[in-house]
N, C-alpha and C. Protein backbone atom coordinates (compact mmCIF):
# COMPACT_ATOMS: atom_id res chain seq x y z
N MET A 1 -3.27 30.90 -41.70
CA MET A 1 -2.83 29.60 -41.20
C MET A 1 -1.90 29.76 -40.01
N ARG A 2 -1.05 30.78 -40.05
CA ARG A 2 -0.13 31.01 -38.95
C ARG A 2 -0.88 31.34 -37.67
N ARG A 3 -1.96 32.17 -37.80
CA ARG A 3 -2.72 32.56 -36.62
C ARG A 3 -3.44 31.35 -36.02
N LEU A 4 -3.93 30.47 -36.89
CA LEU A 4 -4.58 29.27 -36.39
C LEU A 4 -3.59 28.41 -35.64
N PHE A 5 -2.39 28.24 -36.19
CA PHE A 5 -1.35 27.44 -35.52
C PHE A 5 -0.99 28.05 -34.17
N THR A 6 -0.90 29.40 -34.15
CA THR A 6 -0.55 30.08 -32.91
C THR A 6 -1.61 29.83 -31.84
N LEU A 7 -2.89 29.92 -32.22
CA LEU A 7 -3.97 29.69 -31.28
C LEU A 7 -3.95 28.27 -30.75
N LEU A 8 -3.73 27.31 -31.65
CA LEU A 8 -3.66 25.92 -31.22
C LEU A 8 -2.49 25.69 -30.29
N ALA A 9 -1.36 26.31 -30.58
CA ALA A 9 -0.19 26.15 -29.73
C ALA A 9 -0.45 26.69 -28.33
N ILE A 10 -1.11 27.87 -28.25
CA ILE A 10 -1.40 28.45 -26.94
C ILE A 10 -2.37 27.57 -26.17
N LEU A 11 -3.40 27.06 -26.86
CA LEU A 11 -4.34 26.15 -26.21
C LEU A 11 -3.63 24.91 -25.70
N GLY A 12 -2.66 24.42 -26.48
CA GLY A 12 -1.91 23.24 -26.06
C GLY A 12 -1.10 23.51 -24.81
N VAL A 13 -0.49 24.69 -24.74
CA VAL A 13 0.29 25.06 -23.56
C VAL A 13 -0.60 25.15 -22.34
N LEU A 14 -1.77 25.79 -22.47
CA LEU A 14 -2.69 25.90 -21.35
C LEU A 14 -3.16 24.54 -20.87
N LEU A 15 -3.44 23.64 -21.82
CA LEU A 15 -3.87 22.30 -21.45
C LEU A 15 -2.76 21.56 -20.73
N LEU A 16 -1.53 21.64 -21.24
CA LEU A 16 -0.41 20.95 -20.62
C LEU A 16 -0.15 21.48 -19.22
N ALA A 17 -0.27 22.79 -19.04
CA ALA A 17 0.00 23.38 -17.73
C ALA A 17 -1.02 22.94 -16.70
N SER A 18 -2.24 22.60 -17.15
CA SER A 18 -3.28 22.22 -16.20
C SER A 18 -3.23 20.77 -15.81
N LEU A 19 -2.44 19.94 -16.50
CA LEU A 19 -2.39 18.52 -16.19
C LEU A 19 -1.49 18.25 -15.00
N PRO A 20 -1.84 17.30 -14.11
CA PRO A 20 -1.00 16.99 -12.96
C PRO A 20 0.14 16.07 -13.28
N ALA A 21 0.12 15.44 -14.44
CA ALA A 21 1.13 14.43 -14.74
C ALA A 21 1.38 14.38 -16.22
N ALA A 22 2.53 13.79 -16.59
CA ALA A 22 2.86 13.54 -17.99
C ALA A 22 2.86 12.05 -18.22
N SER A 23 2.29 11.59 -19.34
CA SER A 23 2.21 10.16 -19.62
C SER A 23 3.01 9.84 -20.87
N THR A 24 3.67 8.68 -20.86
CA THR A 24 4.42 8.24 -22.02
C THR A 24 4.54 6.74 -22.00
N SER A 25 4.74 6.14 -23.15
CA SER A 25 4.98 4.70 -23.23
C SER A 25 6.47 4.47 -23.40
N LEU A 26 7.05 3.67 -22.53
CA LEU A 26 8.47 3.38 -22.61
C LEU A 26 8.72 2.25 -23.58
N PRO A 27 9.83 2.25 -24.28
CA PRO A 27 10.16 1.08 -25.11
C PRO A 27 10.35 -0.14 -24.26
N ALA A 28 9.78 -1.26 -24.69
CA ALA A 28 9.85 -2.49 -23.90
C ALA A 28 11.24 -3.08 -23.98
N ALA A 29 11.68 -3.71 -22.88
CA ALA A 29 12.97 -4.39 -22.87
C ALA A 29 13.00 -5.49 -23.91
N GLU A 30 11.91 -6.25 -23.97
CA GLU A 30 11.73 -7.26 -25.00
C GLU A 30 10.30 -7.10 -25.50
N ALA A 31 10.14 -6.56 -26.69
CA ALA A 31 8.83 -6.15 -27.17
C ALA A 31 7.83 -7.30 -27.17
N GLN A 32 8.30 -8.51 -27.46
CA GLN A 32 7.37 -9.63 -27.52
C GLN A 32 6.97 -10.12 -26.15
N ASP A 33 7.68 -9.71 -25.12
CA ASP A 33 7.43 -10.24 -23.78
C ASP A 33 6.88 -9.22 -22.80
N LYS A 34 7.12 -7.95 -23.03
CA LYS A 34 6.84 -6.98 -21.98
C LYS A 34 6.46 -5.64 -22.59
N SER A 35 5.45 -4.99 -22.00
CA SER A 35 5.11 -3.63 -22.38
C SER A 35 4.97 -2.80 -21.11
N VAL A 36 5.44 -1.56 -21.16
CA VAL A 36 5.48 -0.71 -19.98
C VAL A 36 4.83 0.63 -20.30
N GLU A 37 4.02 1.13 -19.37
CA GLU A 37 3.43 2.45 -19.49
C GLU A 37 3.77 3.23 -18.23
N LEU A 38 4.16 4.48 -18.40
CA LEU A 38 4.64 5.29 -17.28
C LEU A 38 3.84 6.58 -17.20
N THR A 39 3.31 6.89 -16.02
CA THR A 39 2.64 8.16 -15.76
C THR A 39 3.41 8.87 -14.66
N VAL A 40 3.98 10.03 -15.00
CA VAL A 40 4.86 10.75 -14.08
C VAL A 40 4.11 11.92 -13.47
N TYR A 41 4.16 12.03 -12.13
CA TYR A 41 3.46 13.08 -11.40
C TYR A 41 4.44 14.15 -10.92
N ASN A 42 3.88 15.25 -10.41
CA ASN A 42 4.70 16.38 -10.01
C ASN A 42 5.50 16.13 -8.74
N GLN A 43 5.10 15.18 -7.92
CA GLN A 43 5.73 14.97 -6.62
C GLN A 43 6.93 14.03 -6.70
N ASN A 44 7.64 14.02 -7.82
CA ASN A 44 8.82 13.17 -8.00
C ASN A 44 8.46 11.69 -7.84
N MET A 45 7.29 11.33 -8.37
CA MET A 45 6.84 9.95 -8.29
C MET A 45 6.15 9.58 -9.60
N ALA A 46 5.99 8.28 -9.82
CA ALA A 46 5.40 7.82 -11.07
C ALA A 46 4.59 6.55 -10.82
N LEU A 47 3.60 6.34 -11.67
CA LEU A 47 2.83 5.11 -11.69
C LEU A 47 3.33 4.27 -12.86
N VAL A 48 3.83 3.08 -12.56
CA VAL A 48 4.31 2.15 -13.58
C VAL A 48 3.26 1.07 -13.78
N SER A 49 2.88 0.86 -15.03
CA SER A 49 1.92 -0.20 -15.35
C SER A 49 2.50 -1.02 -16.48
N GLU A 50 2.56 -2.33 -16.30
CA GLU A 50 3.15 -3.18 -17.32
C GLU A 50 2.44 -4.52 -17.42
N THR A 51 2.51 -5.09 -18.59
CA THR A 51 2.01 -6.45 -18.82
C THR A 51 3.19 -7.33 -19.20
N ARG A 52 3.18 -8.54 -18.65
CA ARG A 52 4.30 -9.45 -18.87
C ARG A 52 3.80 -10.89 -18.73
N PRO A 53 4.27 -11.80 -19.58
CA PRO A 53 3.85 -13.20 -19.43
C PRO A 53 4.68 -13.92 -18.37
N ILE A 54 4.03 -14.78 -17.60
CA ILE A 54 4.73 -15.67 -16.69
C ILE A 54 4.14 -17.07 -16.84
N THR A 55 4.93 -18.07 -16.52
CA THR A 55 4.48 -19.46 -16.61
C THR A 55 4.25 -20.00 -15.21
N LEU A 56 3.07 -20.54 -14.98
CA LEU A 56 2.71 -21.06 -13.67
C LEU A 56 2.31 -22.52 -13.77
N LYS A 57 2.55 -23.24 -12.70
CA LYS A 57 2.04 -24.60 -12.58
C LYS A 57 0.82 -24.57 -11.66
N ASN A 58 0.05 -25.62 -11.68
CA ASN A 58 -1.10 -25.70 -10.79
C ASN A 58 -0.63 -25.81 -9.34
N GLY A 59 -1.18 -24.97 -8.47
CA GLY A 59 -0.77 -24.98 -7.07
C GLY A 59 0.13 -23.80 -6.74
N LEU A 60 1.06 -23.99 -5.81
CA LEU A 60 1.93 -22.92 -5.34
C LEU A 60 3.12 -22.72 -6.26
N ASN A 61 3.46 -21.46 -6.54
CA ASN A 61 4.58 -21.10 -7.40
C ASN A 61 5.36 -19.96 -6.75
N GLU A 62 6.70 -20.07 -6.77
CA GLU A 62 7.53 -18.92 -6.41
C GLU A 62 7.97 -18.25 -7.70
N VAL A 63 7.59 -17.00 -7.86
CA VAL A 63 7.86 -16.25 -9.09
C VAL A 63 8.75 -15.07 -8.77
N VAL A 64 9.86 -14.94 -9.49
CA VAL A 64 10.76 -13.79 -9.37
C VAL A 64 10.45 -12.83 -10.51
N TYR A 65 9.91 -11.68 -10.18
CA TYR A 65 9.50 -10.67 -11.15
C TYR A 65 10.56 -9.57 -11.13
N SER A 66 11.54 -9.67 -12.02
CA SER A 66 12.73 -8.81 -11.95
C SER A 66 12.57 -7.55 -12.77
N ASP A 67 13.55 -6.66 -12.61
CA ASP A 67 13.64 -5.40 -13.36
C ASP A 67 12.49 -4.45 -13.06
N VAL A 68 12.05 -4.41 -11.80
CA VAL A 68 11.13 -3.36 -11.40
C VAL A 68 11.94 -2.14 -11.00
N ALA A 69 11.29 -1.01 -10.74
CA ALA A 69 12.00 0.21 -10.36
C ALA A 69 12.68 0.03 -9.01
N ALA A 70 13.89 0.56 -8.89
CA ALA A 70 14.67 0.38 -7.66
C ALA A 70 14.04 1.09 -6.47
N GLN A 71 13.28 2.19 -6.71
CA GLN A 71 12.65 2.94 -5.63
C GLN A 71 11.16 2.64 -5.53
N ILE A 72 10.77 1.44 -5.88
CA ILE A 72 9.37 1.02 -5.84
C ILE A 72 8.83 1.09 -4.41
N ASP A 73 7.54 1.42 -4.29
CA ASP A 73 6.83 1.29 -3.02
C ASP A 73 6.15 -0.08 -3.04
N PRO A 74 6.71 -1.07 -2.34
CA PRO A 74 6.15 -2.43 -2.43
C PRO A 74 4.70 -2.53 -1.96
N THR A 75 4.28 -1.61 -1.09
CA THR A 75 2.90 -1.67 -0.60
C THR A 75 1.89 -1.23 -1.65
N SER A 76 2.36 -0.64 -2.75
CA SER A 76 1.45 -0.15 -3.79
C SER A 76 1.25 -1.14 -4.92
N VAL A 77 1.89 -2.31 -4.85
CA VAL A 77 1.87 -3.25 -5.97
C VAL A 77 0.48 -3.85 -6.16
N SER A 78 0.04 -3.85 -7.41
CA SER A 78 -1.21 -4.50 -7.80
C SER A 78 -0.90 -5.56 -8.84
N PHE A 79 -1.35 -6.79 -8.62
CA PHE A 79 -1.08 -7.91 -9.54
C PHE A 79 -2.40 -8.51 -10.00
N LYS A 80 -2.47 -8.82 -11.29
CA LYS A 80 -3.67 -9.47 -11.83
C LYS A 80 -3.28 -10.37 -12.99
N SER A 81 -3.77 -11.59 -12.97
CA SER A 81 -3.62 -12.48 -14.12
C SER A 81 -4.77 -12.21 -15.07
N LEU A 82 -4.45 -11.75 -16.27
CA LEU A 82 -5.49 -11.52 -17.27
C LEU A 82 -6.00 -12.82 -17.85
N THR A 83 -5.20 -13.88 -17.72
CA THR A 83 -5.59 -15.19 -18.23
C THR A 83 -6.60 -15.87 -17.32
N ASP A 84 -6.37 -15.81 -16.00
CA ASP A 84 -7.28 -16.44 -15.03
C ASP A 84 -7.34 -15.57 -13.79
N PRO A 85 -8.06 -14.44 -13.84
CA PRO A 85 -8.03 -13.49 -12.72
C PRO A 85 -8.61 -14.03 -11.42
N THR A 86 -9.63 -14.87 -11.49
CA THR A 86 -10.25 -15.36 -10.26
C THR A 86 -9.50 -16.54 -9.65
N GLY A 87 -8.75 -17.26 -10.47
CA GLY A 87 -8.06 -18.45 -9.97
C GLY A 87 -6.60 -18.26 -9.66
N THR A 88 -6.10 -17.02 -9.75
CA THR A 88 -4.68 -16.74 -9.53
C THR A 88 -4.55 -15.71 -8.42
N THR A 89 -3.87 -16.07 -7.33
CA THR A 89 -3.80 -15.21 -6.15
C THR A 89 -2.36 -15.12 -5.64
N VAL A 90 -1.93 -13.90 -5.31
CA VAL A 90 -0.63 -13.70 -4.66
C VAL A 90 -0.82 -13.86 -3.16
N LEU A 91 -0.15 -14.86 -2.59
CA LEU A 91 -0.25 -15.14 -1.16
C LEU A 91 0.81 -14.41 -0.35
N GLU A 92 1.96 -14.16 -0.96
CA GLU A 92 3.08 -13.52 -0.24
C GLU A 92 3.91 -12.74 -1.24
N GLN A 93 4.45 -11.61 -0.78
CA GLN A 93 5.29 -10.77 -1.64
C GLN A 93 6.48 -10.23 -0.86
N ASN A 94 7.66 -10.26 -1.51
CA ASN A 94 8.87 -9.65 -0.95
C ASN A 94 9.56 -8.85 -2.04
N PHE A 95 10.11 -7.69 -1.64
CA PHE A 95 10.93 -6.90 -2.55
C PHE A 95 12.39 -7.15 -2.20
N GLU A 96 13.17 -7.59 -3.18
CA GLU A 96 14.57 -7.94 -2.95
C GLU A 96 15.46 -7.23 -3.95
N TYR A 97 16.49 -6.57 -3.41
CA TYR A 97 17.46 -5.90 -4.27
C TYR A 97 18.75 -5.77 -3.49
N ASP A 98 19.75 -6.52 -3.88
CA ASP A 98 21.06 -6.49 -3.21
C ASP A 98 22.04 -5.72 -4.08
N ILE A 99 22.44 -4.54 -3.60
CA ILE A 99 23.49 -3.80 -4.30
C ILE A 99 24.80 -4.54 -4.05
N VAL A 100 25.40 -5.02 -5.13
CA VAL A 100 26.57 -5.88 -4.99
C VAL A 100 27.80 -5.04 -4.64
N ASP A 101 28.27 -5.18 -3.41
CA ASP A 101 29.52 -4.57 -2.99
C ASP A 101 30.25 -5.58 -2.10
N SER A 102 31.45 -5.22 -1.67
CA SER A 102 32.27 -6.17 -0.92
C SER A 102 31.61 -6.57 0.40
N PHE A 103 31.00 -5.60 1.09
CA PHE A 103 30.37 -5.92 2.37
C PHE A 103 29.19 -6.87 2.18
N LYS A 104 28.37 -6.60 1.17
CA LYS A 104 27.20 -7.44 0.92
C LYS A 104 27.63 -8.87 0.58
N LEU A 105 28.64 -9.01 -0.26
CA LEU A 105 29.11 -10.35 -0.62
C LEU A 105 29.67 -11.09 0.59
N LEU A 106 30.45 -10.37 1.40
CA LEU A 106 31.02 -11.01 2.59
C LEU A 106 29.93 -11.48 3.54
N GLN A 107 28.90 -10.67 3.73
CA GLN A 107 27.80 -11.06 4.61
C GLN A 107 27.10 -12.32 4.10
N LYS A 108 26.98 -12.46 2.79
CA LYS A 108 26.34 -13.64 2.21
C LYS A 108 27.20 -14.89 2.37
N TYR A 109 28.51 -14.70 2.60
CA TYR A 109 29.42 -15.85 2.69
C TYR A 109 29.80 -16.21 4.13
N ILE A 110 29.07 -15.69 5.12
CA ILE A 110 29.29 -16.11 6.50
C ILE A 110 29.09 -17.62 6.60
N ASP A 111 30.03 -18.30 7.28
CA ASP A 111 30.02 -19.77 7.47
C ASP A 111 30.34 -20.54 6.19
N GLN A 112 30.89 -19.84 5.20
CA GLN A 112 31.34 -20.52 3.98
C GLN A 112 32.82 -20.21 3.74
N GLU A 113 33.42 -21.00 2.87
CA GLU A 113 34.87 -20.88 2.64
C GLU A 113 35.16 -19.83 1.58
N ILE A 114 36.14 -18.96 1.88
CA ILE A 114 36.63 -17.98 0.92
C ILE A 114 38.15 -17.97 0.97
N VAL A 115 38.75 -17.28 0.00
CA VAL A 115 40.20 -17.14 -0.07
C VAL A 115 40.54 -15.65 -0.02
N VAL A 116 41.42 -15.27 0.91
CA VAL A 116 41.78 -13.87 1.09
C VAL A 116 43.27 -13.70 0.83
N GLU A 117 43.60 -12.72 -0.01
CA GLU A 117 45.00 -12.37 -0.29
C GLU A 117 45.29 -11.02 0.34
N THR A 118 46.39 -10.94 1.10
CA THR A 118 46.74 -9.70 1.79
C THR A 118 47.70 -8.86 0.96
N GLN A 119 47.94 -7.64 1.44
CA GLN A 119 48.82 -6.72 0.73
C GLN A 119 50.25 -7.24 0.62
N ASP A 120 50.68 -8.06 1.58
CA ASP A 120 52.03 -8.62 1.53
C ASP A 120 52.06 -9.99 0.85
N SER A 121 51.02 -10.27 0.04
CA SER A 121 50.95 -11.47 -0.82
C SER A 121 50.73 -12.78 -0.06
N GLN A 122 50.35 -12.73 1.18
CA GLN A 122 49.98 -13.96 1.89
C GLN A 122 48.54 -14.33 1.51
N VAL A 123 48.30 -15.65 1.45
CA VAL A 123 46.98 -16.16 1.06
C VAL A 123 46.41 -16.97 2.22
N TYR A 124 45.18 -16.65 2.59
CA TYR A 124 44.48 -17.36 3.67
C TYR A 124 43.20 -17.98 3.11
N THR A 125 43.03 -19.26 3.38
CA THR A 125 41.81 -19.97 2.99
C THR A 125 41.12 -20.46 4.26
N GLY A 126 39.84 -20.15 4.37
CA GLY A 126 39.14 -20.59 5.58
C GLY A 126 37.67 -20.23 5.55
N THR A 127 36.98 -20.66 6.59
CA THR A 127 35.55 -20.37 6.73
C THR A 127 35.38 -18.98 7.32
N LEU A 128 34.57 -18.17 6.68
CA LEU A 128 34.35 -16.80 7.13
C LEU A 128 33.43 -16.79 8.36
N LEU A 129 33.95 -16.29 9.48
CA LEU A 129 33.18 -16.24 10.72
C LEU A 129 32.56 -14.88 10.96
N ASN A 130 33.24 -13.83 10.50
CA ASN A 130 32.75 -12.48 10.74
C ASN A 130 33.27 -11.55 9.65
N ALA A 131 32.43 -10.57 9.26
CA ALA A 131 32.86 -9.62 8.24
C ALA A 131 32.39 -8.20 8.55
N ALA A 132 31.92 -7.97 9.79
CA ALA A 132 31.36 -6.67 10.14
C ALA A 132 32.43 -5.58 10.17
N ASP A 133 33.49 -5.79 10.93
CA ASP A 133 34.59 -4.82 11.00
C ASP A 133 35.85 -5.44 10.40
N ASN A 134 36.42 -6.40 11.13
CA ASN A 134 37.54 -7.16 10.61
C ASN A 134 37.03 -8.48 10.03
N ILE A 135 37.81 -9.05 9.13
CA ILE A 135 37.47 -10.36 8.58
C ILE A 135 38.12 -11.43 9.44
N ILE A 136 37.31 -12.36 9.92
CA ILE A 136 37.80 -13.45 10.76
C ILE A 136 37.59 -14.76 10.03
N LEU A 137 38.70 -15.49 9.81
CA LEU A 137 38.67 -16.76 9.10
C LEU A 137 39.10 -17.89 10.03
N GLN A 138 38.45 -19.03 9.86
CA GLN A 138 38.86 -20.24 10.57
C GLN A 138 39.37 -21.24 9.56
N GLY A 139 40.64 -21.65 9.74
CA GLY A 139 41.26 -22.60 8.83
C GLY A 139 40.77 -24.02 9.05
N ALA A 140 41.17 -24.92 8.14
CA ALA A 140 40.75 -26.32 8.24
C ALA A 140 41.29 -26.98 9.50
N ASP A 141 42.43 -26.48 10.03
CA ASP A 141 43.01 -27.06 11.25
C ASP A 141 42.43 -26.45 12.52
N GLY A 142 41.44 -25.58 12.38
CA GLY A 142 40.82 -24.95 13.54
C GLY A 142 41.42 -23.63 13.94
N SER A 143 42.55 -23.25 13.36
CA SER A 143 43.18 -21.98 13.69
C SER A 143 42.33 -20.82 13.17
N VAL A 144 42.43 -19.68 13.87
CA VAL A 144 41.63 -18.51 13.52
C VAL A 144 42.56 -17.34 13.24
N VAL A 145 42.30 -16.62 12.15
CA VAL A 145 43.08 -15.44 11.81
C VAL A 145 42.12 -14.26 11.63
N MET A 146 42.55 -13.09 12.11
CA MET A 146 41.75 -11.88 11.97
C MET A 146 42.51 -10.88 11.11
N LEU A 147 41.86 -10.37 10.08
CA LEU A 147 42.49 -9.46 9.13
C LEU A 147 41.69 -8.16 9.09
N SER A 148 42.40 -7.03 9.17
CA SER A 148 41.73 -5.74 9.03
C SER A 148 41.51 -5.44 7.54
N ARG A 149 40.58 -4.56 7.27
CA ARG A 149 40.24 -4.27 5.87
C ARG A 149 41.43 -3.70 5.10
N ASP A 150 42.26 -2.89 5.76
CA ASP A 150 43.38 -2.28 5.03
C ASP A 150 44.51 -3.27 4.76
N GLN A 151 44.46 -4.46 5.35
CA GLN A 151 45.44 -5.49 5.05
C GLN A 151 45.10 -6.26 3.77
N ILE A 152 43.87 -6.19 3.34
CA ILE A 152 43.37 -7.10 2.30
C ILE A 152 43.56 -6.49 0.91
N ARG A 153 44.13 -7.28 0.03
CA ARG A 153 44.26 -6.89 -1.36
C ARG A 153 43.12 -7.44 -2.20
N ASN A 154 42.76 -8.69 -1.95
CA ASN A 154 41.76 -9.34 -2.80
C ASN A 154 41.03 -10.42 -2.01
N VAL A 155 39.75 -10.60 -2.32
CA VAL A 155 38.95 -11.69 -1.75
C VAL A 155 38.37 -12.49 -2.91
N ASN A 156 38.61 -13.80 -2.89
CA ASN A 156 38.09 -14.67 -3.95
C ASN A 156 36.88 -15.45 -3.44
N PHE A 157 35.77 -15.30 -4.17
CA PHE A 157 34.56 -16.05 -3.87
C PHE A 157 34.38 -17.12 -4.94
N PRO A 158 33.95 -18.32 -4.57
CA PRO A 158 33.77 -19.37 -5.57
C PRO A 158 32.68 -19.05 -6.59
N ALA A 159 31.67 -18.30 -6.18
CA ALA A 159 30.56 -17.94 -7.07
C ALA A 159 29.70 -16.91 -6.36
N LEU A 160 28.77 -16.29 -7.10
CA LEU A 160 27.80 -15.43 -6.44
C LEU A 160 26.93 -16.29 -5.54
N PRO A 161 26.68 -15.85 -4.33
CA PRO A 161 25.88 -16.67 -3.41
C PRO A 161 24.44 -16.80 -3.87
N ASP A 162 23.82 -17.91 -3.48
CA ASP A 162 22.41 -18.13 -3.81
C ASP A 162 21.55 -17.06 -3.15
N GLY A 163 20.52 -16.65 -3.87
CA GLY A 163 19.58 -15.68 -3.31
C GLY A 163 20.00 -14.24 -3.45
N LEU A 164 21.16 -13.98 -4.09
CA LEU A 164 21.60 -12.60 -4.27
C LEU A 164 20.87 -12.01 -5.47
N ARG A 165 20.10 -10.98 -5.27
CA ARG A 165 19.36 -10.32 -6.34
C ARG A 165 20.13 -9.09 -6.79
N THR A 166 20.74 -9.17 -7.95
CA THR A 166 21.52 -8.05 -8.46
C THR A 166 20.66 -7.05 -9.23
N ARG A 167 19.40 -7.40 -9.45
CA ARG A 167 18.44 -6.48 -10.07
C ARG A 167 17.22 -6.39 -9.16
N PRO A 168 16.61 -5.20 -9.05
CA PRO A 168 15.44 -5.07 -8.17
C PRO A 168 14.33 -6.01 -8.62
N SER A 169 13.81 -6.80 -7.67
CA SER A 169 12.86 -7.85 -8.02
C SER A 169 11.77 -7.96 -6.97
N LEU A 170 10.58 -8.31 -7.44
CA LEU A 170 9.50 -8.74 -6.57
C LEU A 170 9.47 -10.26 -6.58
N VAL A 171 9.43 -10.85 -5.40
CA VAL A 171 9.37 -12.31 -5.29
C VAL A 171 8.00 -12.66 -4.71
N TRP A 172 7.22 -13.38 -5.50
CA TRP A 172 5.85 -13.70 -5.11
C TRP A 172 5.68 -15.19 -4.84
N LEU A 173 4.79 -15.51 -3.92
CA LEU A 173 4.26 -16.85 -3.77
C LEU A 173 2.84 -16.80 -4.33
N ILE A 174 2.64 -17.47 -5.46
CA ILE A 174 1.37 -17.39 -6.19
C ILE A 174 0.68 -18.74 -6.18
N ASP A 175 -0.60 -18.72 -5.88
CA ASP A 175 -1.44 -19.91 -5.95
C ASP A 175 -2.24 -19.84 -7.25
N ALA A 176 -2.04 -20.81 -8.13
CA ALA A 176 -2.68 -20.79 -9.45
C ALA A 176 -3.52 -22.05 -9.65
N GLU A 177 -4.74 -21.86 -10.11
CA GLU A 177 -5.59 -23.00 -10.45
C GLU A 177 -5.33 -23.49 -11.86
N GLN A 178 -4.90 -22.59 -12.74
CA GLN A 178 -4.69 -22.93 -14.15
C GLN A 178 -3.20 -22.95 -14.46
N ALA A 179 -2.71 -24.08 -14.93
CA ALA A 179 -1.30 -24.21 -15.32
C ALA A 179 -1.09 -23.66 -16.72
N GLY A 180 0.15 -23.19 -16.97
CA GLY A 180 0.50 -22.71 -18.30
C GLY A 180 0.90 -21.25 -18.29
N ASP A 181 0.92 -20.64 -19.46
CA ASP A 181 1.32 -19.24 -19.61
C ASP A 181 0.17 -18.32 -19.20
N HIS A 182 0.52 -17.31 -18.40
CA HIS A 182 -0.44 -16.30 -17.96
C HIS A 182 0.04 -14.93 -18.42
N GLU A 183 -0.86 -14.16 -19.01
CA GLU A 183 -0.57 -12.75 -19.28
C GLU A 183 -0.94 -11.98 -18.02
N THR A 184 0.04 -11.30 -17.43
CA THR A 184 -0.19 -10.62 -16.15
C THR A 184 -0.13 -9.11 -16.31
N GLN A 185 -0.85 -8.43 -15.45
CA GLN A 185 -0.86 -6.97 -15.41
C GLN A 185 -0.41 -6.53 -14.02
N VAL A 186 0.64 -5.74 -13.97
CA VAL A 186 1.22 -5.30 -12.71
C VAL A 186 1.33 -3.78 -12.71
N ALA A 187 0.95 -3.16 -11.61
CA ALA A 187 1.07 -1.71 -11.46
C ALA A 187 1.63 -1.40 -10.08
N TYR A 188 2.43 -0.32 -10.01
CA TYR A 188 2.99 0.10 -8.72
C TYR A 188 3.45 1.55 -8.80
N ILE A 189 3.62 2.14 -7.61
CA ILE A 189 4.14 3.50 -7.48
C ILE A 189 5.64 3.43 -7.22
N THR A 190 6.40 4.33 -7.84
CA THR A 190 7.83 4.43 -7.56
C THR A 190 8.21 5.89 -7.38
N ASN A 191 9.23 6.12 -6.57
CA ASN A 191 9.78 7.46 -6.39
C ASN A 191 10.99 7.64 -7.31
N GLY A 192 11.52 8.86 -7.32
CA GLY A 192 12.75 9.11 -8.05
C GLY A 192 12.58 9.44 -9.52
N ILE A 193 11.36 9.70 -9.97
CA ILE A 193 11.12 10.06 -11.37
C ILE A 193 10.35 11.38 -11.39
N GLY A 194 10.86 12.35 -12.14
CA GLY A 194 10.19 13.64 -12.26
C GLY A 194 10.08 14.06 -13.71
N TRP A 195 9.43 15.20 -13.93
CA TRP A 195 9.31 15.72 -15.30
C TRP A 195 9.29 17.24 -15.27
N SER A 196 9.67 17.82 -16.38
CA SER A 196 9.63 19.27 -16.53
C SER A 196 9.29 19.60 -17.98
N ALA A 197 8.75 20.79 -18.20
CA ALA A 197 8.37 21.23 -19.55
C ALA A 197 9.12 22.51 -19.90
N ASP A 198 9.60 22.60 -21.13
CA ASP A 198 10.28 23.79 -21.64
C ASP A 198 9.65 24.16 -22.98
N TYR A 199 9.64 25.47 -23.26
CA TYR A 199 8.98 25.96 -24.46
C TYR A 199 9.92 26.89 -25.23
N VAL A 200 9.83 26.82 -26.56
CA VAL A 200 10.62 27.68 -27.44
C VAL A 200 9.65 28.45 -28.33
N MET A 201 9.72 29.79 -28.30
CA MET A 201 8.84 30.63 -29.11
C MET A 201 9.67 31.40 -30.13
N LEU A 202 9.26 31.34 -31.41
CA LEU A 202 9.95 32.04 -32.49
C LEU A 202 9.00 33.06 -33.10
N LEU A 203 9.34 34.37 -33.01
CA LEU A 203 8.54 35.43 -33.60
C LEU A 203 8.85 35.58 -35.08
N ASN A 204 7.84 36.00 -35.86
CA ASN A 204 8.10 36.31 -37.26
C ASN A 204 8.72 37.71 -37.37
N GLU A 205 9.05 38.13 -38.59
CA GLU A 205 9.75 39.41 -38.77
C GLU A 205 8.89 40.60 -38.35
N ASP A 206 7.56 40.50 -38.50
CA ASP A 206 6.68 41.60 -38.14
C ASP A 206 6.26 41.58 -36.67
N SER A 207 6.69 40.55 -35.97
CA SER A 207 6.39 40.40 -34.54
C SER A 207 4.88 40.36 -34.26
N ASP A 208 4.10 39.84 -35.22
CA ASP A 208 2.66 39.74 -34.99
C ASP A 208 2.18 38.29 -34.95
N ALA A 209 3.09 37.35 -35.03
CA ALA A 209 2.75 35.92 -34.93
C ALA A 209 4.01 35.16 -34.53
N PHE A 210 3.82 33.98 -34.03
CA PHE A 210 4.99 33.20 -33.59
C PHE A 210 4.67 31.71 -33.67
N ASP A 211 5.75 30.93 -33.73
CA ASP A 211 5.66 29.47 -33.60
C ASP A 211 6.08 29.10 -32.19
N LEU A 212 5.39 28.13 -31.61
CA LEU A 212 5.68 27.71 -30.24
C LEU A 212 5.84 26.20 -30.20
N ASN A 213 7.00 25.76 -29.70
CA ASN A 213 7.26 24.33 -29.52
C ASN A 213 7.46 24.02 -28.04
N GLY A 214 6.98 22.87 -27.62
CA GLY A 214 7.14 22.45 -26.24
C GLY A 214 7.88 21.12 -26.13
N TRP A 215 8.71 21.00 -25.08
CA TRP A 215 9.46 19.77 -24.83
C TRP A 215 9.21 19.31 -23.40
N VAL A 216 8.92 18.04 -23.25
CA VAL A 216 8.75 17.44 -21.93
C VAL A 216 9.97 16.56 -21.65
N THR A 217 10.63 16.78 -20.51
CA THR A 217 11.82 16.03 -20.13
C THR A 217 11.52 15.17 -18.91
N LEU A 218 11.81 13.87 -19.01
CA LEU A 218 11.69 12.96 -17.88
C LEU A 218 13.06 12.79 -17.24
N ASP A 219 13.11 12.83 -15.89
CA ASP A 219 14.40 12.66 -15.22
C ASP A 219 14.20 11.91 -13.91
């Protein structure tokens, strides 16, 4: 029995070494709503395939498809409605992902009112005119103040600006003939995912047979 196991283990190693990619099913974020399958290739890239329900109305729909891979290749995206494949068409696609930092937020608030507190505890309220190098504010009386970044202690924003995507998302314009829930199938290529294989061999006391275990690591 040990020799049979050894032969099978060696055959398994040879088969694994000949494959160009490793495949695995990832746990779904919400099992009832989403399923994901991942095929990882040697070139630090992966094919992501997932099914997810979306609700469409008849006619044009803007759909935000969030939680895709951050290093997605948007040109590789394939979309299909399994519910109505011939009557559902993607007319336009954009990939949006805003890493939320101070510069990004300030850029989104150009021509809007913010409150700035300086290191010496002065508070300035005004319309943000510029945020590239120094912050330039225009007060309600028309006066303009310019503050350098090292002067600023805190910036208060009334809320996150509209259109800020804090998670990587595909934004589609979809034309649908059939209204209601659609089961969709989406596939795309992403970078930044690799895999490696490691093996552990244990010899018996007579050194004439061994057990072999293999581990595949995704990173």
